[in-house]
Every structure is written in C-alpha cells, then in structure tokens.
Amino acid sequence: MKLLLHYHTSLSSFNIPFSLFAGGLGYAMNVNTFSGYMTGFFLSLLSGGFLLSVFFYELRYASRYYFYYNKGYSKTWLVGVSYLLNVGLWGVYQFIKYIGPW
C-alpha cells in the first residue's frame, strides 16, 4: 500500500498544481463562486490533469515502473488505483457539499 501512495503522490505533484490553475479558470468563468472553482479543480483532477500527469510521469520516470513491477504492481493497476483515490477525494467533496449549509 505504501508504494501505491508513493506513486499517487508522484502523480499528484503535477496534477494538483495544474488542477489549481484550472480551478482558477473555473472561478473566473463562473461569476467568481467557490463552487465554480471546485468544479474546475475536480474536473481537471479527474480528467485532463490526471492524463497529463500520467504522461509526464511516463516521460520522466519510465524506469521506475520496473521497480513497481518487481514488487507486483502493473502499470495499469498503479494508474487505476491512483485514479480511484482521486475519485474518492471527489466523493468526499460531494458529501461535504451535500451536508453543508452553503
């Protein structure tokens, strides 16, 4: 599990800043609301930002996949688990948004 979290944080090191920028664009386009910011952030976190982070990880750290593979994790498994962790973050946000008074 520790290796899966290491891979996820490696991907997030690019995905989070890109998603924060996309959230800022969502904030500017959606009449300056926090909901617009979070929508842009999570849309990027789950789509374009995630795909770009996987692509840049592949370019920069392609040799690290051998290490994960030797520990029993395939590339598909690593990407899938990382994506599911992002979906879990989105689910937590949706739950908080649902129960919150705002």
PDB file of N, CA and C in Angstrom:
ATOM      1  N   MET A   1       0.820  -1.202   0.000  1.00  0.00           N
ATOM      2  CA  MET A   1       0.000   0.000   0.000  1.00  0.00           C
ATOM      3  C   MET A   1       0.857   1.256   0.000  1.00  0.00           C
ATOM      4  N   LYS A   2       1.988   1.179   0.688  1.00  0.00           N
ATOM      5  CA  LYS A   2       2.871   2.333   0.760  1.00  0.00           C
ATOM      6  C   LYS A   2       3.392   2.721  -0.624  1.00  0.00           C
ATOM      7  N   LEU A   3       3.673   1.725  -1.457  1.00  0.00           N
ATOM      8  CA  LEU A   3       4.153   2.015  -2.809  1.00  0.00           C
ATOM      9  C   LEU A   3       3.057   2.643  -3.670  1.00  0.00           C
ATOM     10  N   LEU A   4       1.826   2.214  -3.460  1.00  0.00           N
ATOM     11  CA  LEU A   4       0.722   2.814  -4.217  1.00  0.00           C
ATOM     12  C   LEU A   4       0.556   4.284  -3.856  1.00  0.00           C
ATOM     13  N   LEU A   5       0.687   4.608  -2.588  1.00  0.00           N
ATOM     14  CA  LEU A   5       0.602   6.006  -2.160  1.00  0.00           C
ATOM     15  C   LEU A   5       1.791   6.815  -2.669  1.00  0.00           C
ATOM     16  N   HIS A   6       2.955   6.188  -2.741  1.00  0.00           N
ATOM     17  CA  HIS A   6       4.122   6.875  -3.295  1.00  0.00           C
ATOM     18  C   HIS A   6       3.890   7.220  -4.765  1.00  0.00           C
ATOM     19  N   TYR A   7       3.350   6.280  -5.514  1.00  0.00           N
ATOM     20  CA  TYR A   7       3.053   6.543  -6.924  1.00  0.00           C
ATOM     21  C   TYR A   7       2.001   7.644  -7.050  1.00  0.00           C
ATOM     22  N   HIS A   8       0.976   7.586  -6.226  1.00  0.00           N
ATOM     23  CA  HIS A   8      -0.084   8.596  -6.282  1.00  0.00           C
ATOM     24  C   HIS A   8       0.459   9.990  -5.955  1.00  0.00           C
ATOM     25  N   THR A   9       1.307  10.101  -4.964  1.00  0.00           N
ATOM     26  CA  THR A   9       1.869  11.410  -4.639  1.00  0.00           C
ATOM     27  C   THR A   9       2.808  11.894  -5.736  1.00  0.00           C
ATOM     28  N   SER A  10       3.486  10.977  -6.407  1.00  0.00           N
ATOM     29  CA  SER A  10       4.328  11.373  -7.537  1.00  0.00           C
ATOM     30  C   SER A  10       3.483  11.943  -8.665  1.00  0.00           C
ATOM     31  N   LEU A  11       2.360  11.319  -8.934  1.00  0.00           N
ATOM     32  CA  LEU A  11       1.456  11.846  -9.963  1.00  0.00           C
ATOM     33  C   LEU A  11       0.837  13.166  -9.520  1.00  0.00           C
ATOM     34  N   SER A  12       0.492  13.250  -8.255  1.00  0.00           N
ATOM     35  CA  SER A  12      -0.167  14.449  -7.744  1.00  0.00           C
ATOM     36  C   SER A  12       0.746  15.666  -7.720  1.00  0.00           C
ATOM     37  N   SER A  13       2.049  15.440  -7.742  1.00  0.00           N
ATOM     38  CA  SER A  13       2.965  16.577  -7.725  1.00  0.00           C
ATOM     39  C   SER A  13       2.813  17.441  -8.977  1.00  0.00           C
ATOM     40  N   PHE A  14       2.319  16.879 -10.057  1.00  0.00           N
ATOM     41  CA  PHE A  14       1.986  17.686 -11.229  1.00  0.00           C
ATOM     42  C   PHE A  14       0.483  17.951 -11.317  1.00  0.00           C
ATOM     43  N   ASN A  15      -0.310  16.979 -10.969  1.00  0.00           N
ATOM     44  CA  ASN A  15      -1.756  17.078 -11.146  1.00  0.00           C
ATOM     45  C   ASN A  15      -2.370  18.187 -10.276  1.00  0.00           C
ATOM     46  N   ILE A  16      -1.958  18.295  -9.042  1.00  0.00           N
ATOM     47  CA  ILE A  16      -2.542  19.289  -8.129  1.00  0.00           C
ATOM     48  C   ILE A  16      -2.290  20.726  -8.597  1.00  0.00           C
ATOM     49  N   PRO A  17      -1.037  21.110  -8.926  1.00  0.00           N
ATOM     50  CA  PRO A  17      -0.855  22.494  -9.401  1.00  0.00           C
ATOM     51  C   PRO A  17      -1.621  22.802 -10.686  1.00  0.00           C
ATOM     52  N   PHE A  18      -1.655  21.846 -11.608  1.00  0.00           N
ATOM     53  CA  PHE A  18      -2.405  22.065 -12.841  1.00  0.00           C
ATOM     54  C   PHE A  18      -3.895  22.201 -12.544  1.00  0.00           C
ATOM     55  N   SER A  19      -4.398  21.391 -11.636  1.00  0.00           N
ATOM     56  CA  SER A  19      -5.814  21.449 -11.279  1.00  0.00           C
ATOM     57  C   SER A  19      -6.154  22.728 -10.529  1.00  0.00           C
ATOM     58  N   LEU A  20      -5.232  23.225  -9.712  1.00  0.00           N
ATOM     59  CA  LEU A  20      -5.458  24.507  -9.046  1.00  0.00           C
ATOM     60  C   LEU A  20      -5.572  25.634 -10.071  1.00  0.00           C
ATOM     61  N   PHE A  21      -4.736  25.588 -11.098  1.00  0.00           N
ATOM     62  CA  PHE A  21      -4.820  26.574 -12.169  1.00  0.00           C
ATOM     63  C   PHE A  21      -6.149  26.454 -12.911  1.00  0.00           C
ATOM     64  N   ALA A  22      -6.561  25.225 -13.216  1.00  0.00           N
ATOM     65  CA  ALA A  22      -7.845  25.022 -13.887  1.00  0.00           C
ATOM     66  C   ALA A  22      -9.002  25.467 -13.002  1.00  0.00           C
ATOM     67  N   GLY A  23      -8.871  25.281 -11.694  1.00  0.00           N
ATOM     68  CA  GLY A  23      -9.890  25.767 -10.764  1.00  0.00           C
ATOM     69  C   GLY A  23      -9.993  27.279 -10.800  1.00  0.00           C
ATOM     70  N   GLY A  24      -8.845  27.949 -10.924  1.00  0.00           N
ATOM     71  CA  GLY A  24      -8.854  29.404 -11.052  1.00  0.00           C
ATOM     72  C   GLY A  24      -9.573  29.856 -12.313  1.00  0.00           C
ATOM     73  N   LEU A  25      -9.389  29.112 -13.390  1.00  0.00           N
ATOM     74  CA  LEU A  25     -10.128  29.429 -14.617  1.00  0.00           C
ATOM     75  C   LEU A  25     -11.623  29.202 -14.421  1.00  0.00           C
ATOM     76  N   GLY A  26     -11.977  28.139 -13.725  1.00  0.00           N
ATOM     77  CA  GLY A  26     -13.391  27.884 -13.433  1.00  0.00           C
ATOM     78  C   GLY A  26     -13.983  28.963 -12.555  1.00  0.00           C
ATOM     79  N   TYR A  27     -13.193  29.479 -11.631  1.00  0.00           N
ATOM     80  CA  TYR A  27     -13.626  30.576 -10.758  1.00  0.00           C
ATOM     81  C   TYR A  27     -13.876  31.841 -11.573  1.00  0.00           C
ATOM     82  N   ALA A  28     -12.987  32.134 -12.511  1.00  0.00           N
ATOM     83  CA  ALA A  28     -13.127  33.337 -13.333  1.00  0.00           C
ATOM     84  C   ALA A  28     -14.308  33.237 -14.300  1.00  0.00           C
ATOM     85  N   MET A  29     -14.585  32.051 -14.783  1.00  0.00           N
ATOM     86  CA  MET A  29     -15.655  31.878 -15.769  1.00  0.00           C
ATOM     87  C   MET A  29     -17.030  31.723 -15.148  1.00  0.00           C
ATOM     88  N   ASN A  30     -17.106  31.381 -13.879  1.00  0.00           N
ATOM     89  CA  ASN A  30     -18.384  31.069 -13.250  1.00  0.00           C
ATOM     90  C   ASN A  30     -18.778  32.143 -12.236  1.00  0.00           C
ATOM     91  N   VAL A  31     -18.688  33.376 -12.600  1.00  0.00           N
ATOM     92  CA  VAL A  31     -19.115  34.519 -11.801  1.00  0.00           C
ATOM     93  C   VAL A  31     -18.500  34.496 -10.400  1.00  0.00           C
ATOM     94  N   ASN A  32     -17.246  34.133 -10.315  1.00  0.00           N
ATOM     95  CA  ASN A  32     -16.479  34.204  -9.069  1.00  0.00           C
ATOM     96  C   ASN A  32     -17.139  33.488  -7.897  1.00  0.00           C
ATOM     97  N   THR A  33     -17.509  32.246  -8.080  1.00  0.00           N
ATOM     98  CA  THR A  33     -18.084  31.470  -6.980  1.00  0.00           C
ATOM     99  C   THR A  33     -17.125  30.350  -6.588  1.00  0.00           C
ATOM    100  N   PHE A  34     -17.174  29.984  -5.325  1.00  0.00           N
ATOM    101  CA  PHE A  34     -16.342  28.893  -4.835  1.00  0.00           C
ATOM    102  C   PHE A  34     -16.731  27.578  -5.510  1.00  0.00           C
ATOM    103  N   SER A  35     -18.012  27.415  -5.780  1.00  0.00           N
ATOM    104  CA  SER A  35     -18.474  26.208  -6.452  1.00  0.00           C
ATOM    105  C   SER A  35     -17.864  26.097  -7.854  1.00  0.00           C
ATOM    106  N   GLY A  36     -17.739  27.222  -8.537  1.00  0.00           N
ATOM    107  CA  GLY A  36     -17.111  27.212  -9.851  1.00  0.00           C
ATOM    108  C   GLY A  36     -15.645  26.821  -9.773  1.00  0.00           C
ATOM    109  N   TYR A  37     -14.967  27.300  -8.727  1.00  0.00           N
ATOM    110  CA  TYR A  37     -13.566  26.945  -8.524  1.00  0.00           C
ATOM    111  C   TYR A  37     -13.425  25.442  -8.295  1.00  0.00           C
ATOM    112  N   MET A  38     -14.233  24.910  -7.393  1.00  0.00           N
ATOM    113  CA  MET A  38     -14.120  23.484  -7.070  1.00  0.00           C
ATOM    114  C   MET A  38     -14.531  22.599  -8.241  1.00  0.00           C
ATOM    115  N   THR A  39     -15.507  23.045  -9.022  1.00  0.00           N
ATOM    116  CA  THR A  39     -15.904  22.275 -10.195  1.00  0.00           C
ATOM    117  C   THR A  39     -14.745  22.198 -11.190  1.00  0.00           C
ATOM    118  N   GLY A  40     -14.104  23.339 -11.457  1.00  0.00           N
ATOM    119  CA  GLY A  40     -12.946  23.342 -12.353  1.00  0.00           C
ATOM    120  C   GLY A  40     -11.800  22.512 -11.816  1.00  0.00           C
ATOM    121  N   PHE A  41     -11.571  22.603 -10.507  1.00  0.00           N
ATOM    122  CA  PHE A  41     -10.490  21.846  -9.889  1.00  0.00           C
ATOM    123  C   PHE A  41     -10.713  20.346 -10.032  1.00  0.00           C
ATOM    124  N   PHE A  42     -11.895  19.869  -9.652  1.00  0.00           N
ATOM    125  CA  PHE A  42     -12.139  18.431  -9.693  1.00  0.00           C
ATOM    126  C   PHE A  42     -12.313  17.914 -11.114  1.00  0.00           C
ATOM    127  N   LEU A  43     -12.823  18.733 -12.008  1.00  0.00           N
ATOM    128  CA  LEU A  43     -12.906  18.319 -13.408  1.00  0.00           C
ATOM    129  C   LEU A  43     -11.506  18.088 -13.961  1.00  0.00           C
ATOM    130  N   SER A  44     -10.591  18.977 -13.645  1.00  0.00           N
ATOM    131  CA  SER A  44      -9.209  18.812 -14.080  1.00  0.00           C
ATOM    132  C   SER A  44      -8.529  17.663 -13.355  1.00  0.00           C
ATOM    133  N   LEU A  45      -8.789  17.530 -12.067  1.00  0.00           N
ATOM    134  CA  LEU A  45      -8.171  16.472 -11.272  1.00  0.00           C
ATOM    135  C   LEU A  45      -8.528  15.095 -11.810  1.00  0.00           C
ATOM    136  N   LEU A  46      -9.744  14.942 -12.312  1.00  0.00           N
ATOM    137  CA  LEU A  46     -10.207  13.637 -12.775  1.00  0.00           C
ATOM    138  C   LEU A  46     -10.054  13.421 -14.279  1.00  0.00           C
ATOM    139  N   SER A  47      -9.704  14.459 -15.031  1.00  0.00           N
ATOM    140  CA  SER A  47      -9.618  14.263 -16.484  1.00  0.00           C
ATOM    141  C   SER A  47      -8.262  14.718 -17.018  1.00  0.00           C
ATOM    142  N   GLY A  48      -8.196  15.934 -17.523  1.00  0.00           N
ATOM    143  CA  GLY A  48      -7.001  16.407 -18.207  1.00  0.00           C
ATOM    144  C   GLY A  48      -5.756  16.452 -17.345  1.00  0.00           C
ATOM    145  N   GLY A  49      -5.883  16.936 -16.131  1.00  0.00           N
ATOM    146  CA  GLY A  49      -4.727  16.996 -15.240  1.00  0.00           C
ATOM    147  C   GLY A  49      -4.189  15.613 -14.924  1.00  0.00           C
ATOM    148  N   PHE A  50      -5.085  14.662 -14.736  1.00  0.00           N
ATOM    149  CA  PHE A  50      -4.650  13.299 -14.435  1.00  0.00           C
ATOM    150  C   PHE A  50      -3.949  12.686 -15.636  1.00  0.00           C
ATOM    151  N   LEU A  51      -4.526  12.862 -16.813  1.00  0.00           N
ATOM    152  CA  LEU A  51      -3.903  12.298 -18.014  1.00  0.00           C
ATOM    153  C   LEU A  51      -2.543  12.935 -18.282  1.00  0.00           C
ATOM    154  N   LEU A  52      -2.432  14.243 -18.090  1.00  0.00           N
ATOM    155  CA  LEU A  52      -1.141  14.907 -18.271  1.00  0.00           C
ATOM    156  C   LEU A  52      -0.114  14.437 -17.247  1.00  0.00           C
ATOM    157  N   SER A  53      -0.546  14.235 -16.024  1.00  0.00           N
ATOM    158  CA  SER A  53       0.400  13.777 -15.009  1.00  0.00           C
ATOM    159  C   SER A  53       0.893  12.366 -15.303  1.00  0.00           C
ATOM    160  N   VAL A  54       0.021  11.498 -15.803  1.00  0.00           N
ATOM    161  CA  VAL A  54       0.458  10.146 -16.188  1.00  0.00           C
ATOM    162  C   VAL A  54       1.437  10.237 -17.359  1.00  0.00           C
ATOM    163  N   PHE A  55       1.146  11.104 -18.323  1.00  0.00           N
ATOM    164  CA  PHE A  55       2.019  11.274 -19.477  1.00  0.00           C
ATOM    165  C   PHE A  55       3.395  11.798 -19.053  1.00  0.00           C
ATOM    166  N   PHE A  56       3.442  12.831 -18.226  1.00  0.00           N
ATOM    167  CA  PHE A  56       4.722  13.388 -17.797  1.00  0.00           C
ATOM    168  C   PHE A  56       5.484  12.436 -16.878  1.00  0.00           C
ATOM    169  N   TYR A  57       4.777  11.659 -16.079  1.00  0.00           N
ATOM    170  CA  TYR A  57       5.447  10.647 -15.260  1.00  0.00           C
ATOM    171  C   TYR A  57       6.100   9.609 -16.164  1.00  0.00           C
ATOM    172  N   GLU A  58       5.398   9.226 -17.210  1.00  0.00           N
ATOM    173  CA  GLU A  58       5.933   8.257 -18.163  1.00  0.00           C
ATOM    174  C   GLU A  58       7.184   8.807 -18.848  1.00  0.00           C
ATOM    175  N   LEU A  59       7.170  10.088 -19.199  1.00  0.00           N
ATOM    176  CA  LEU A  59       8.341  10.679 -19.845  1.00  0.00           C
ATOM    177  C   LEU A  59       9.539  10.770 -18.903  1.00  0.00           C
ATOM    178  N   ARG A  60       9.290  11.192 -17.692  1.00  0.00           N
ATOM    179  CA  ARG A  60      10.398  11.461 -16.777  1.00  0.00           C
ATOM    180  C   ARG A  60      10.861  10.238 -15.990  1.00  0.00           C
ATOM    181  N   TYR A  61       9.925   9.412 -15.547  1.00  0.00           N
ATOM    182  CA  TYR A  61      10.265   8.309 -14.652  1.00  0.00           C
ATOM    183  C   TYR A  61       9.880   6.947 -15.222  1.00  0.00           C
ATOM    184  N   ALA A  62      10.082   6.738 -16.493  1.00  0.00           N
ATOM    185  CA  ALA A  62       9.680   5.466 -17.104  1.00  0.00           C
ATOM    186  C   ALA A  62      10.406   4.277 -16.486  1.00  0.00           C
ATOM    187  N   SER A  63      11.637   4.463 -16.060  1.00  0.00           N
ATOM    188  CA  SER A  63      12.400   3.355 -15.484  1.00  0.00           C
ATOM    189  C   SER A  63      11.867   2.927 -14.114  1.00  0.00           C
ATOM    190  N   ARG A  64      11.115   3.777 -13.442  1.00  0.00           N
ATOM    191  CA  ARG A  64      10.593   3.410 -12.120  1.00  0.00           C
ATOM    192  C   ARG A  64       9.495   2.342 -12.202  1.00  0.00           C
ATOM    193  N   TYR A  65       8.886   2.207 -13.358  1.00  0.00           N
ATOM    194  CA  TYR A  65       7.849   1.189 -13.481  1.00  0.00           C
ATOM    195  C   TYR A  65       8.417  -0.219 -13.276  1.00  0.00           C
ATOM    196  N   TYR A  66       9.686  -0.426 -13.583  1.00  0.00           N
ATOM    197  CA  TYR A  66      10.306  -1.730 -13.333  1.00  0.00           C
ATOM    198  C   TYR A  66      10.333  -2.031 -11.838  1.00  0.00           C
ATOM    199  N   PHE A  67      10.605  -1.019 -11.047  1.00  0.00           N
ATOM    200  CA  PHE A  67      10.609  -1.205  -9.594  1.00  0.00           C
ATOM    201  C   PHE A  67       9.231  -1.627  -9.105  1.00  0.00           C
ATOM    202  N   TYR A  68       8.193  -0.934  -9.545  1.00  0.00           N
ATOM    203  CA  TYR A  68       6.832  -1.286  -9.141  1.00  0.00           C
ATOM    204  C   TYR A  68       6.445  -2.670  -9.657  1.00  0.00           C
ATOM    205  N   TYR A  69       6.847  -2.969 -10.891  1.00  0.00           N
ATOM    206  CA  TYR A  69       6.516  -4.270 -11.468  1.00  0.00           C
ATOM    207  C   TYR A  69       7.181  -5.395 -10.684  1.00  0.00           C
ATOM    208  N   ASN A  70       8.416  -5.183 -10.246  1.00  0.00           N
ATOM    209  CA  ASN A  70       9.107  -6.207  -9.449  1.00  0.00           C
ATOM    210  C   ASN A  70       8.456  -6.408  -8.087  1.00  0.00           C
ATOM    211  N   LYS A  71       7.744  -5.406  -7.603  1.00  0.00           N
ATOM    212  CA  LYS A  71       7.017  -5.531  -6.345  1.00  0.00           C
ATOM    213  C   LYS A  71       5.611  -6.101  -6.553  1.00  0.00           C
ATOM    214  N   GLY A  72       5.223  -6.360  -7.804  1.00  0.00           N
ATOM    215  CA  GLY A  72       3.945  -6.999  -8.086  1.00  0.00           C
ATOM    216  C   GLY A  72       2.847  -6.070  -8.556  1.00  0.00           C
ATOM    217  N   TYR A  73       3.189  -4.812  -8.896  1.00  0.00           N
ATOM    218  CA  TYR A  73       2.183  -3.848  -9.348  1.00  0.00           C
ATOM    219  C   TYR A  73       2.384  -3.554 -10.825  1.00  0.00           C
ATOM    220  N   SER A  74       1.351  -3.762 -11.612  1.00  0.00           N
ATOM    221  CA  SER A  74       1.436  -3.416 -13.025  1.00  0.00           C
ATOM    222  C   SER A  74       1.159  -1.927 -13.205  1.00  0.00           C
ATOM    223  N   LYS A  75       1.498  -1.422 -14.378  1.00  0.00           N
ATOM    224  CA  LYS A  75       1.274  -0.012 -14.669  1.00  0.00           C
ATOM    225  C   LYS A  75      -0.216   0.307 -14.659  1.00  0.00           C
ATOM    226  N   THR A  76      -1.013  -0.597 -15.200  1.00  0.00           N
ATOM    227  CA  THR A  76      -2.462  -0.399 -15.216  1.00  0.00           C
ATOM    228  C   THR A  76      -3.025  -0.347 -13.797  1.00  0.00           C
ATOM    229  N   TRP A  77      -2.543  -1.207 -12.929  1.00  0.00           N
ATOM    230  CA  TRP A  77      -3.002  -1.226 -11.539  1.00  0.00           C
ATOM    231  C   TRP A  77      -2.637   0.075 -10.829  1.00  0.00           C
ATOM    232  N   LEU A  78      -1.412   0.557 -11.041  1.00  0.00           N
ATOM    233  CA  LEU A  78      -0.969   1.796 -10.410  1.00  0.00           C
ATOM    234  C   LEU A  78      -1.822   2.982 -10.850  1.00  0.00           C
ATOM    235  N   VAL A  79      -2.055   3.096 -12.145  1.00  0.00           N
ATOM    236  CA  VAL A  79      -2.849   4.208 -12.668  1.00  0.00           C
ATOM    237  C   VAL A  79      -4.294   4.088 -12.189  1.00  0.00           C
ATOM    238  N   GLY A  80      -4.839   2.883 -12.195  1.00  0.00           N
ATOM    239  CA  GLY A  80      -6.220   2.675 -11.752  1.00  0.00           C
ATOM    240  C   GLY A  80      -6.431   3.024 -10.289  1.00  0.00           C
ATOM    241  N   VAL A  81      -5.528   2.592  -9.436  1.00  0.00           N
ATOM    242  CA  VAL A  81      -5.662   2.891  -8.011  1.00  0.00           C
ATOM    243  C   VAL A  81      -5.500   4.389  -7.765  1.00  0.00           C
ATOM    244  N   SER A  82      -4.572   5.009  -8.464  1.00  0.00           N
ATOM    245  CA  SER A  82      -4.385   6.448  -8.310  1.00  0.00           C
ATOM    246  C   SER A  82      -5.630   7.209  -8.749  1.00  0.00           C
ATOM    247  N   TYR A  83      -6.246   6.773  -9.837  1.00  0.00           N
ATOM    248  CA  TYR A  83      -7.470   7.419 -10.300  1.00  0.00           C
ATOM    249  C   TYR A  83      -8.606   7.225  -9.292  1.00  0.00           C
ATOM    250  N   LEU A  84      -8.707   6.025  -8.739  1.00  0.00           N
ATOM    251  CA  LEU A  84      -9.748   5.764  -7.735  1.00  0.00           C
ATOM    252  C   LEU A  84      -9.545   6.602  -6.475  1.00  0.00           C
ATOM    253  N   LEU A  85      -8.309   6.878  -6.100  1.00  0.00           N
ATOM    254  CA  LEU A  85      -8.062   7.766  -4.968  1.00  0.00           C
ATOM    255  C   LEU A  85      -8.550   9.178  -5.274  1.00  0.00           C
ATOM    256  N   ASN A  86      -8.353   9.621  -6.506  1.00  0.00           N
ATOM    257  CA  ASN A  86      -8.871  10.939  -6.901  1.00  0.00           C
ATOM    258  C   ASN A  86     -10.395  10.960  -6.911  1.00  0.00           C
ATOM    259  N   VAL A  87     -11.007   9.881  -7.364  1.00  0.00           N
ATOM    260  CA  VAL A  87     -12.473   9.786  -7.345  1.00  0.00           C
ATOM    261  C   VAL A  87     -12.966   9.804  -5.903  1.00  0.00           C
ATOM    262  N   GLY A  88     -12.231   9.166  -5.000  1.00  0.00           N
ATOM    263  CA  GLY A  88     -12.583   9.204  -3.583  1.00  0.00           C
ATOM    264  C   GLY A  88     -12.537  10.617  -3.020  1.00  0.00           C
ATOM    265  N   LEU A  89     -11.535  11.398  -3.413  1.00  0.00           N
ATOM    266  CA  LEU A  89     -11.472  12.797  -2.988  1.00  0.00           C
ATOM    267  C   LEU A  89     -12.673  13.579  -3.501  1.00  0.00           C
ATOM    268  N   TRP A  90     -13.045  13.322  -4.733  1.00  0.00           N
ATOM    269  CA  TRP A  90     -14.221  13.978  -5.311  1.00  0.00           C
ATOM    270  C   TRP A  90     -15.481  13.569  -4.547  1.00  0.00           C
ATOM    271  N   GLY A  91     -15.570  12.297  -4.182  1.00  0.00           N
ATOM    272  CA  GLY A  91     -16.714  11.825  -3.411  1.00  0.00           C
ATOM    273  C   GLY A  91     -16.812  12.484  -2.048  1.00  0.00           C
ATOM    274  N   VAL A  92     -15.679  12.666  -1.390  1.00  0.00           N
ATOM    275  CA  VAL A  92     -15.674  13.358  -0.096  1.00  0.00           C
ATOM    276  C   VAL A  92     -16.150  14.797  -0.280  1.00  0.00           C
ATOM    277  N   TYR A  93     -15.683  15.467  -1.326  1.00  0.00           N
ATOM    278  CA  TYR A  93     -16.131  16.834  -1.595  1.00  0.00           C
ATOM    279  C   TYR A  93     -17.638  16.875  -1.848  1.00  0.00           C
ATOM    280  N   GLN A  94     -18.145  15.936  -2.626  1.00  0.00           N
ATOM    281  CA  GLN A  94     -19.575  15.902  -2.906  1.00  0.00           C
ATOM    282  C   GLN A  94     -20.376  15.665  -1.634  1.00  0.00           C
ATOM    283  N   PHE A  95     -19.875  14.808  -0.748  1.00  0.00           N
ATOM    284  CA  PHE A  95     -20.566  14.551   0.517  1.00  0.00           C
ATOM    285  C   PHE A  95     -20.587  15.806   1.386  1.00  0.00           C
ATOM    286  N   ILE A  96     -19.448  16.482   1.480  1.00  0.00           N
ATOM    287  CA  ILE A  96     -19.377  17.715   2.274  1.00  0.00           C
ATOM    288  C   ILE A  96     -20.284  18.773   1.678  1.00  0.00           C
ATOM    289  N   LYS A  97     -20.313  18.866   0.363  1.00  0.00           N
ATOM    290  CA  LYS A  97     -21.177  19.836  -0.310  1.00  0.00           C
ATOM    291  C   LYS A  97     -22.648  19.509  -0.055  1.00  0.00           C
ATOM    292  N   TYR A  98     -22.984  18.241   0.014  1.00  0.00           N
ATOM    293  CA  TYR A  98     -24.362  17.806   0.231  1.00  0.00           C
ATOM    294  C   TYR A  98     -24.830  18.131   1.650  1.00  0.00           C
ATOM    295  N   ILE A  99     -23.975  17.890   2.641  1.00  0.00           N
ATOM    296  CA  ILE A  99     -24.415  18.099   4.031  1.00  0.00           C
ATOM    297  C   ILE A  99     -24.222  19.530   4.508  1.00  0.00           C
ATOM    298  N   GLY A 100     -23.415  20.309   3.746  1.00  0.00           N
ATOM    299  CA  GLY A 100     -23.114  21.675   4.195  1.00  0.00           C
ATOM    300  C   GLY A 100     -24.258  22.635   3.995  1.00  0.00           C
ATOM    301  N   PRO A 101     -24.294  23.719   4.770  1.00  0.00           N
ATOM    302  CA  PRO A 101     -25.370  24.706   4.669  1.00  0.00           C
ATOM    303  C   PRO A 101     -25.178  25.668   3.502  1.00  0.00           C
ATOM    304  N   TRP A 102     -24.069  25.611   2.821  1.00  0.00           N
ATOM    305  CA  TRP A 102     -23.820  26.539   1.730  1.00  0.00           C
ATOM    306  C   TRP A 102     -24.351  25.952   0.481  1.00  0.00           C
TER     307      TRP A 102
END
